[in-house]
Protein backbone atom coordinates (compact mmCIF):
# COMPACT_ATOMS: atom_id res chain seq x y z
CA UNK A 1 25.98 28.86 29.09
CA UNK A 2 23.60 31.86 28.19
CA UNK A 3 20.02 30.91 27.40
CA UNK A 4 17.14 33.28 26.52
CA UNK A 5 14.91 34.00 29.63
CA UNK A 6 11.72 32.38 27.90
CA UNK A 7 13.79 29.05 27.24
CA UNK A 8 15.38 29.11 30.64
CA UNK A 9 12.08 29.44 32.57
CA UNK A 10 10.03 27.55 30.10
CA UNK A 11 12.13 24.51 30.59
CA UNK A 12 12.14 24.83 34.28
CA UNK A 13 8.53 24.73 34.40
CA UNK A 14 8.48 21.58 32.41
CA UNK A 15 10.87 19.82 34.88
CA UNK A 16 9.33 21.36 38.15
CA UNK A 17 6.88 19.16 40.01
CA UNK A 18 7.05 20.05 43.68
CA UNK A 19 4.13 22.78 43.79
CA UNK A 20 1.51 20.99 41.72
CA UNK A 21 1.82 17.31 41.04
CA UNK A 22 -1.56 17.11 39.37
CA UNK A 23 -0.47 19.73 36.72
CA UNK A 24 2.71 17.47 36.22
CA UNK A 25 0.65 14.29 35.91
CA UNK A 26 -1.62 16.05 33.32
CA UNK A 27 1.63 17.01 31.41
CA UNK A 28 2.89 13.58 31.57
CA UNK A 29 -0.47 12.08 30.40
CA UNK A 30 -0.51 14.61 27.39
CA UNK A 31 2.96 13.50 26.43
CA UNK A 32 2.14 9.78 26.56
CA UNK A 33 -1.03 10.34 24.72
CA UNK A 34 0.93 12.03 21.83
CA UNK A 35 3.46 9.35 21.89
CA UNK A 36 0.89 6.56 21.56
CA UNK A 37 -0.89 8.37 18.74
CA UNK A 38 2.22 8.87 16.66
CA UNK A 39 3.17 5.11 17.44
CA UNK A 40 -0.13 4.07 16.21
CA UNK A 41 0.04 6.12 13.08
CA UNK A 42 3.56 4.85 12.12
CA UNK A 43 2.67 1.25 12.82
CA UNK A 44 -0.78 1.30 11.08
CA UNK A 45 0.57 3.02 8.00
CA UNK A 46 3.47 0.78 7.77
CA UNK A 47 1.21 -2.21 7.78
CA UNK A 48 -0.93 -0.65 5.05
CA UNK A 49 2.14 -0.08 3.11
CA UNK A 50 2.99 -3.78 3.56
CA UNK A 51 -0.26 -4.88 2.30
CA UNK A 52 -0.07 -2.59 -0.66
CA UNK A 53 3.59 -3.85 -1.51
CA UNK A 54 2.35 -7.42 -1.20
CA UNK A 55 -0.75 -6.86 -3.40
CA UNK A 56 1.42 -4.90 -6.08
CA UNK A 57 4.09 -7.62 -6.20
CA UNK A 58 1.38 -10.60 -6.51
CA UNK A 59 -1.15 -8.92 -8.73
CA UNK A 60 1.18 -6.85 -11.01
CA UNK A 61 3.60 -9.68 -10.95
CA UNK A 62 0.86 -11.79 -12.82
CA UNK A 63 -0.85 -9.28 -15.10
CA UNK A 64 1.00 -7.46 -17.79
CA UNK A 65 2.59 -4.19 -16.99
CA UNK A 66 1.78 -3.00 -20.49
CA UNK A 67 1.01 -4.55 -23.83
CA UNK A 68 1.37 -3.60 -27.38
CA UNK A 69 -1.82 -4.81 -29.13
CA UNK A 70 -2.10 -5.36 -32.74
CA UNK A 71 -5.11 -4.20 -34.59
CA UNK A 72 -4.91 -7.39 -36.47
CA UNK A 73 -3.07 -10.60 -35.14
CA UNK A 74 0.68 -9.86 -35.22
CA UNK A 75 2.27 -12.28 -37.73
CA UNK A 76 5.81 -11.89 -36.21
CA UNK A 77 6.03 -10.55 -32.60
CA UNK A 78 9.86 -10.35 -32.58
CA UNK A 79 10.33 -7.08 -34.51
CA UNK A 80 7.74 -5.46 -32.20
CA UNK A 81 9.62 -6.81 -29.05
CA UNK A 82 13.01 -5.34 -30.51
CA UNK A 83 11.46 -2.05 -31.08
CA UNK A 84 10.02 -2.19 -27.54
CA UNK A 85 13.51 -3.21 -26.02
CA UNK A 86 14.96 0.04 -27.43
CA UNK A 87 13.03 2.02 -24.78
CA UNK A 88 15.39 1.94 -21.64
CA UNK A 89 12.49 1.60 -19.36
CA UNK A 90 11.38 -1.83 -20.89
CA UNK A 91 13.25 -4.87 -19.25
CA UNK A 92 11.54 -7.71 -21.25
CA UNK A 93 9.06 -8.29 -24.07
CA UNK A 94 7.37 -11.65 -24.95
CA UNK A 95 4.46 -12.80 -26.97
CA UNK A 96 1.13 -12.74 -25.36
CA UNK A 97 -2.41 -13.68 -26.33
CA UNK A 98 -5.52 -12.97 -24.01
CA UNK A 99 -9.13 -14.20 -24.23
CA UNK A 100 -12.06 -14.66 -21.86
CA UNK A 101 -14.29 -17.57 -21.66
CA UNK A 102 -16.04 -20.00 -19.17
CA UNK A 103 -14.86 -23.06 -17.53
CA UNK A 104 -17.08 -26.03 -17.27
CA UNK A 105 -16.54 -29.11 -15.14
CA UNK A 106 -19.35 -31.61 -14.07
CA UNK A 107 -22.11 -29.18 -14.39
CA UNK A 108 -20.28 -26.23 -12.61
CA UNK A 109 -19.04 -23.08 -14.50
CA UNK A 110 -17.03 -20.07 -13.77
CA UNK A 111 -15.71 -17.18 -15.88
CA UNK A 112 -11.95 -17.33 -16.64
CA UNK A 113 -9.39 -15.08 -18.35
CA UNK A 114 -6.99 -17.17 -20.39
CA UNK A 115 -3.52 -16.02 -21.18
CA UNK A 116 -1.63 -17.57 -23.95
CA UNK A 117 2.04 -17.47 -22.91
CA UNK A 118 5.37 -18.73 -24.06
CA UNK A 119 6.67 -21.13 -21.05
CA UNK A 120 9.99 -20.56 -21.96
CA UNK A 121 9.94 -16.72 -21.73
CA UNK A 122 7.02 -16.07 -19.32
CA UNK A 123 9.53 -16.16 -16.46
CA UNK A 124 11.01 -12.82 -17.64
CA UNK A 125 7.75 -10.94 -17.25
CA UNK A 126 5.72 -12.76 -14.57
CA UNK A 127 6.23 -14.38 -11.15
CA UNK A 128 4.05 -17.34 -12.04
CA UNK A 129 7.14 -19.69 -12.37
CA UNK A 130 7.99 -19.16 -8.62
CA UNK A 131 4.48 -19.97 -7.58
CA UNK A 132 3.70 -23.12 -9.26
CA UNK A 133 2.51 -25.64 -6.38
CA UNK A 134 1.67 -28.62 -8.79
CA UNK A 135 3.16 -29.53 -12.18
CA UNK A 136 5.29 -27.30 -14.12
CA UNK A 137 4.73 -24.36 -16.56
CA UNK A 138 7.21 -26.08 -19.05
CA UNK A 139 4.46 -28.89 -19.41
CA UNK A 140 2.52 -26.42 -21.58
CA UNK A 141 3.20 -27.96 -25.11
CA UNK A 142 1.96 -26.74 -28.22
CA UNK A 143 -1.03 -28.76 -29.56
CA UNK A 144 -1.62 -30.43 -26.39
CA UNK A 145 -3.98 -28.01 -24.91
CA UNK A 146 -2.58 -27.96 -21.53
CA UNK A 147 -3.72 -25.34 -18.87
CA UNK A 148 -2.20 -24.01 -15.72
CA UNK A 149 -5.05 -23.05 -13.30
CA UNK A 150 -5.11 -20.95 -10.10
CA UNK A 151 -5.28 -22.64 -6.66
CA UNK A 152 -8.96 -21.30 -5.93
CA UNK A 153 -10.17 -22.56 -9.23
CA UNK A 154 -8.70 -25.93 -8.71
CA UNK A 155 -10.09 -26.29 -5.35
CA UNK A 156 -13.49 -25.02 -6.45
CA UNK A 157 -13.78 -27.90 -8.99
CA UNK A 158 -11.45 -30.20 -7.02
CA UNK A 159 -9.18 -30.47 -9.89
CA UNK A 160 -5.59 -31.80 -9.97
CA UNK A 161 -2.80 -32.54 -12.47
CA UNK A 162 -4.05 -34.68 -15.10
CA UNK A 163 -7.69 -33.82 -14.92
CA UNK A 164 -9.59 -32.51 -17.93
CA UNK A 165 -11.83 -29.48 -17.98
CA UNK A 166 -13.90 -27.72 -20.76
CA UNK A 167 -13.16 -24.17 -21.81
CA UNK A 168 -16.16 -22.35 -23.57
CA UNK A 169 -14.99 -19.29 -25.62
CA UNK A 170 -17.36 -16.98 -27.67
CA UNK A 171 -16.78 -17.07 -31.43
CA UNK A 172 -18.26 -14.57 -34.03
CA UNK A 173 -20.47 -16.41 -36.74
CA UNK A 174 -23.20 -15.63 -39.20
CA UNK A 175 -25.84 -17.29 -36.80
CA UNK A 176 -28.93 -15.22 -35.83
CA UNK A 177 -27.27 -14.33 -32.52
CA UNK A 178 -24.09 -13.27 -34.04
CA UNK A 179 -21.90 -15.26 -31.63
CA UNK A 180 -21.61 -19.16 -31.13
CA UNK A 181 -19.91 -20.76 -28.32
CA UNK A 182 -16.76 -23.06 -29.05
CA UNK A 183 -15.74 -25.65 -26.79
CA UNK A 184 -12.26 -26.86 -25.93
CA UNK A 185 -11.05 -29.75 -23.89
CA UNK A 186 -8.18 -28.76 -21.77
CA UNK A 187 -5.58 -30.85 -19.70
CA UNK A 188 -4.60 -29.65 -16.30
CA UNK A 189 -0.84 -29.68 -16.12
CA UNK A 190 -0.20 -27.37 -13.41
CA UNK A 191 -1.57 -25.26 -10.41
CA UNK A 192 -0.29 -21.86 -9.25
CA UNK A 193 -0.99 -20.04 -6.06
CA UNK A 194 0.15 -16.30 -5.78
CA UNK A 195 -2.14 -15.46 -2.83
CA UNK A 196 -4.51 -13.09 -4.63
CA UNK A 197 -7.83 -12.93 -6.43
CA UNK A 198 -6.18 -13.94 -9.61
CA UNK A 199 -5.93 -17.41 -8.27
CA UNK A 200 -9.70 -17.79 -8.92
CA UNK A 201 -9.89 -15.91 -12.28
CA UNK A 202 -6.66 -16.72 -14.44
CA UNK A 203 -5.57 -19.61 -16.31
CA UNK A 204 -2.39 -20.17 -18.62
CA UNK A 205 -2.26 -22.00 -21.99
CA UNK A 206 0.43 -22.13 -24.63
CA UNK A 207 0.45 -19.11 -27.00
CA UNK A 208 0.34 -21.56 -29.98
CA UNK A 209 -2.95 -23.34 -28.61
CA UNK A 210 -4.35 -19.77 -28.04
CA UNK A 211 -3.84 -19.12 -31.75
CA UNK A 212 -5.24 -22.21 -32.73
CA UNK A 213 -8.44 -21.60 -30.64
CA UNK A 214 -8.65 -18.13 -32.20
CA UNK A 215 -8.38 -19.82 -35.80
CA UNK A 216 -5.04 -17.83 -36.39
CA UNK A 217 -1.68 -19.14 -37.84
CA UNK A 218 0.34 -20.95 -35.21
CA UNK A 219 2.88 -18.17 -35.02
CA UNK A 220 0.38 -15.29 -34.62
CA UNK A 221 -0.32 -13.54 -31.38
CA UNK A 222 -2.55 -10.84 -30.13
CA UNK A 223 -0.03 -8.59 -28.49
CA UNK A 224 3.53 -8.42 -27.21
CA UNK A 225 3.70 -8.11 -23.31
CA UNK A 226 6.08 -5.75 -21.77
CA UNK A 227 7.85 -5.61 -18.43
CA UNK A 228 8.93 -2.16 -17.24
CA UNK A 229 11.15 -0.82 -14.37
CA UNK A 230 8.67 1.60 -13.02
CA UNK A 231 5.17 0.36 -12.84
CA UNK A 232 3.68 3.83 -12.73
CA UNK A 233 5.63 4.82 -15.82
CA UNK A 234 3.94 1.89 -17.82
CA UNK A 235 1.24 4.22 -19.55
CA UNK A 236 3.77 6.53 -20.90
CA UNK A 237 6.34 3.80 -21.79
CA UNK A 238 3.75 1.63 -23.70
CA UNK A 239 2.25 4.79 -25.40
CA UNK A 240 5.67 5.83 -26.57
CA UNK A 241 6.40 2.27 -28.05
CA UNK A 242 3.07 2.12 -29.77
CA UNK A 243 3.63 5.54 -31.25
CA UNK A 244 7.01 4.42 -32.61
CA UNK A 245 5.49 1.49 -34.25
CA UNK A 246 3.17 3.65 -36.16
CA UNK A 247 -0.51 2.69 -37.39
CA UNK A 248 -1.82 -0.78 -36.71
CA UNK A 249 -0.71 -0.77 -32.85
CA UNK A 250 -2.17 0.44 -29.74
CA UNK A 251 -0.91 0.47 -26.00
CA UNK A 252 -2.65 -1.08 -23.05
CA UNK A 253 -1.39 -1.07 -19.55
CA UNK A 254 -2.18 -2.40 -15.93
CA UNK A 255 -4.00 0.86 -14.93
CA UNK A 256 -7.03 -0.05 -17.19
CA UNK A 257 -7.67 -3.46 -15.35
CA UNK A 258 -6.11 -2.91 -11.89
CA UNK A 259 -6.03 0.82 -11.53
CA UNK A 260 -9.26 1.10 -9.51
CA UNK A 261 -8.00 -1.49 -7.02
CA UNK A 262 -4.87 0.43 -6.31
CA UNK A 263 -6.64 3.75 -6.30
CA UNK A 264 -9.02 2.46 -3.54
CA UNK A 265 -6.02 1.22 -1.57
CA UNK A 266 -4.38 4.57 -1.85
CA UNK A 267 -7.62 6.46 -0.80
CA UNK A 268 -8.07 3.90 2.21
CA UNK A 269 -4.60 4.72 3.54
CA UNK A 270 -5.31 8.34 3.18
CA UNK A 271 -8.70 8.18 5.02
CA UNK A 272 -7.14 5.85 7.76
CA UNK A 273 -4.18 8.24 8.14
CA UNK A 274 -6.55 11.23 8.63
CA UNK A 275 -8.68 9.43 11.06
CA UNK A 276 -5.53 8.41 13.17
CA UNK A 277 -4.26 11.92 12.85
CA UNK A 278 -7.30 12.85 15.04
CA UNK A 279 -5.89 10.70 17.80
CA UNK A 280 -2.70 12.72 17.69
CA UNK A 281 -4.69 15.96 17.49
CA UNK A 282 -6.81 14.93 20.64
CA UNK A 283 -3.39 14.18 22.44
CA UNK A 284 -1.68 17.45 21.20
CA UNK A 285 -4.66 19.54 22.30
CA UNK A 286 -4.61 18.19 25.75
CA UNK A 287 -1.53 20.46 26.04
CA UNK A 288 -3.95 23.32 25.99
CA UNK A 289 -5.54 21.98 29.27
CA UNK A 290 -2.20 21.38 30.64
CA UNK A 291 -0.93 24.90 30.09
CA UNK A 292 -4.00 26.70 31.13
CA UNK A 293 -3.73 24.95 34.50
CA UNK A 294 -0.04 25.82 34.55
CA UNK A 295 -0.90 29.56 33.83
CA UNK A 296 -3.27 29.62 36.54
CA UNK A 297 -0.83 27.88 38.91
CA UNK A 298 1.99 30.36 37.95
CA UNK A 299 -0.19 33.67 38.14
CA UNK A 300 1.89 35.09 40.86
CA UNK A 301 5.23 34.18 39.07
CA UNK A 302 3.99 35.82 35.90
CA UNK A 303 3.05 38.91 37.76
CA UNK A 304 6.55 39.16 39.37
CA UNK A 305 8.37 38.55 36.08
CA UNK A 306 6.16 41.44 34.54
CA UNK A 307 7.06 43.82 37.44
CA UNK A 308 10.78 43.33 37.14
CA UNK A 309 10.63 43.96 33.28
CA UNK A 310 9.52 40.84 31.41
CA UNK A 311 7.52 41.75 28.21
CA UNK A 312 4.05 40.18 27.22
CA UNK A 313 6.06 38.62 24.27
CA UNK A 314 8.56 36.91 26.68
CA UNK A 315 5.84 35.63 29.05
CA UNK A 316 3.92 34.22 25.99
CA UNK A 317 7.28 32.62 24.63
CA UNK A 318 7.66 30.90 28.14
CA UNK A 319 4.49 29.01 27.96
CA UNK A 320 5.02 28.18 24.29
CA UNK A 321 8.48 26.74 25.17
CA UNK A 322 6.93 24.63 27.79
CA UNK A 323 4.08 23.14 25.55
CA UNK A 324 6.44 22.73 22.78
CA UNK A 325 8.81 20.82 24.80
CA UNK A 326 6.08 18.46 25.93
CA UNK A 327 5.21 18.05 22.21
CA UNK A 328 8.61 17.37 21.00
CA UNK A 329 9.36 14.83 23.58
CA UNK A 330 6.10 12.96 22.99
CA UNK A 331 6.43 12.95 19.41
CA UNK A 332 10.15 11.83 19.40
CA UNK A 333 9.22 9.02 21.87
CA UNK A 334 6.29 8.02 19.77
CA UNK A 335 8.39 8.32 16.60
CA UNK A 336 11.21 5.95 18.17
CA UNK A 337 8.81 3.41 19.38
CA UNK A 338 6.85 3.45 16.26
CA UNK A 339 9.70 2.84 14.05
CA UNK A 340 10.85 0.01 16.31
CA UNK A 341 7.33 -1.53 16.19
CA UNK A 342 6.81 -1.15 12.57
CA UNK A 343 10.19 -2.94 11.81
CA UNK A 344 9.32 -5.97 14.05
CA UNK A 345 5.49 -6.11 13.82
CA UNK A 346 5.72 -9.22 11.48
CA UNK A 347 8.06 -10.99 14.15
CA UNK A 348 5.65 -10.02 16.89
CA UNK A 349 2.53 -11.43 15.32
CA UNK A 350 4.45 -14.58 14.44
CA UNK A 351 5.39 -14.93 18.10
CA UNK A 352 1.79 -14.35 19.18
CA UNK A 353 0.64 -17.08 16.89
CA UNK A 354 3.24 -19.37 18.19
CA UNK A 355 2.46 -18.66 21.74
CA UNK A 356 -1.39 -18.90 21.48
CA UNK A 357 -1.28 -21.71 18.67
CA UNK A 358 -3.97 -19.68 16.79
CA UNK A 359 -3.22 -18.45 13.16
CA UNK A 360 -4.34 -14.84 12.91
CA UNK A 361 -3.83 -14.76 9.22
CA UNK A 362 -4.62 -18.19 8.01
CA UNK A 363 -3.65 -19.00 4.44
CA UNK A 364 -7.01 -20.55 3.98
CA UNK A 365 -8.84 -17.42 4.62
CA UNK A 366 -6.62 -14.48 3.53
CA UNK A 367 -4.54 -13.87 0.64
CA UNK A 368 -1.34 -13.26 2.93
CA UNK A 369 -0.44 -15.62 5.92
CA UNK A 370 1.56 -13.14 7.76
CA UNK A 371 1.45 -9.41 8.61
CA UNK A 372 3.56 -7.44 6.22
CA UNK A 373 5.11 -4.06 7.10
CA UNK A 374 6.96 -1.53 5.05
CA UNK A 375 8.45 1.44 6.93
CA UNK A 376 8.64 4.53 4.78
CA UNK A 377 10.67 7.49 5.90
CA UNK A 378 8.38 9.86 4.27
CA UNK A 379 5.42 8.66 6.47
CA UNK A 380 7.56 8.82 9.52
CA UNK A 381 8.59 12.41 8.68
CA UNK A 382 5.10 13.64 7.90
CA UNK A 383 3.59 12.18 11.07
CA UNK A 384 6.42 13.51 13.33
CA UNK A 385 5.90 16.93 11.49
CA UNK A 386 2.14 16.66 12.11
CA UNK A 387 2.74 16.10 15.91
CA UNK A 388 5.20 18.98 16.24
CA UNK A 389 2.84 21.51 14.41
CA UNK A 390 -0.26 20.41 16.37
CA UNK A 391 1.69 20.58 19.65
CA UNK A 392 2.81 24.20 18.78
CA UNK A 393 -0.62 25.35 17.77
CA UNK A 394 -1.85 23.97 21.03
CA UNK A 395 0.42 26.29 22.97
CA UNK A 396 -0.77 29.58 21.33
CA UNK A 397 -4.02 30.15 23.35
CA UNK A 398 -2.63 29.45 26.86
CA UNK A 399 0.40 31.52 26.18
CA UNK A 400 -1.75 34.21 24.93
CA UNK A 401 -3.76 34.19 28.12
CA UNK A 402 -0.62 34.24 30.04
CA UNK A 403 0.69 37.39 28.43
CA UNK A 404 -2.49 39.18 29.21
CA UNK A 405 -2.33 38.60 32.91
CA UNK A 406 -2.16 41.98 34.62
CA UNK A 407 0.46 41.97 37.59
CA UNK A 408 -1.72 44.03 40.04
CA UNK A 409 -4.69 41.81 39.78
CA UNK A 410 -2.60 38.52 39.88
CA UNK A 411 -0.58 39.76 43.07
CA UNK A 412 -3.83 40.91 44.81
CA UNK A 413 -5.47 37.51 44.57
CA UNK A 414 -2.45 35.37 44.98
C-alpha cells in the first residue's frame, strides 16, 4: 500500500530501537507521562462532576427552583399554580411560605430558615420525603405546630421526635425598636438528613401554622413554589410566569440564594482543570527533548535523504509525524484508562475501604459517604483534544531544526 515518504519514515523512526535505546526510552517516558496526565485529568474532573451533581441534587432538591411571590399574602394560591402550570417547563406548583428566626433550646440558640409547606404536596417539588430518618412529614398537622428539623440541628440540640423547641421570629410593631420578638413552641415530629449544609439551617412546618405565626388567614400563603425541568432555565421561567400574572407578583429563584455556591464550584473545576492541563503540557513538551535527540541521532540519515531529493518540507514532516504518533498513542492510552478509571472509581474507593477497614469518606464528617463520579463526554473530548494539540505543537521546533540541517555539514561530521 502506498504511503507518503514522510509518514513511512516517521512511523519507522517511532518503531526503531536498535541504534539508540536511550532515545527510545525517552520516547516511552514521554508517552507514559502524557497518558498519566490525560488519565488524571479525566478522573479528577469526573469526580468533581460527581460532587457537583450530588450537591445539586441535594441542595436544589430541597430549596425552591423558583417561587412566585405575592406583594401581599396570596389569598388563594391555586389560580397562581394553575397559571404557572401552563408553562411547559413547570412540572409542579405548590403553596409555600418562608420566614427566618432563631431556635432556642435550653439556653442554646441558632438561626433557622423555616419553610411552611403542605405535607401532601411537598413530595412533588422536594426530595425531603425520601430523606426523613425519624418520624414522618405527614405528621405536620395544622394547628399542632409540629416541625421537621435537619439532622445537624437535631444533633446540635440533642433532639428527637417528641421533644419541644422554641422558635423566635421577629415581628413588626409600634414599639420604639420597631421590631419585637415573637415566641412559638414547636413539637419535633420528624428529622431529615439530605447530606448537605441545609441539615443545619432549615426546618419545615405546616403552611397553615406559618400563616398563623404571621397573623394571616389560615388559607393565605406567601408564595407558590415551582419545580422546573431545567434548573438553569428557572430565572426565565419564573419571570415569564410572574409577568403573565401581572402586577402584585414577583419572581424569585435558586440563583439568588445558592448561585454563589455553584459559581464557586464551577470556577474551582475550571482552575483545577487548568492546573492539571499543566501536567499534560509538561508531558507533551517532553516530546521536544525526544525529537531533538532523534534529530541529532539521525543527522546522517537526514543528509542522505536530502541528497537523494527530499525537500526540507518532507524532512520537517517526518519528525512531525514521529512526535504526533507519540502524542496520539499516549493520549489515546490515557483517555481509555481514564474513562475506565472514572467509571469505576467509586467501586475502587469502596474496595479500598473494605480492605483497609478505614472509612475514607465518613458520613459523620463529610456530606457524602462515597466518592461520586460522573463521566462527561465533553470533558473527555476536550482533554484528548488538548493532548493532541499540545503534542503537535511540541513537534514544530525539532522538526524545523531537522529541516535546516545542511547535508554537507551533517555528512562531514557523521
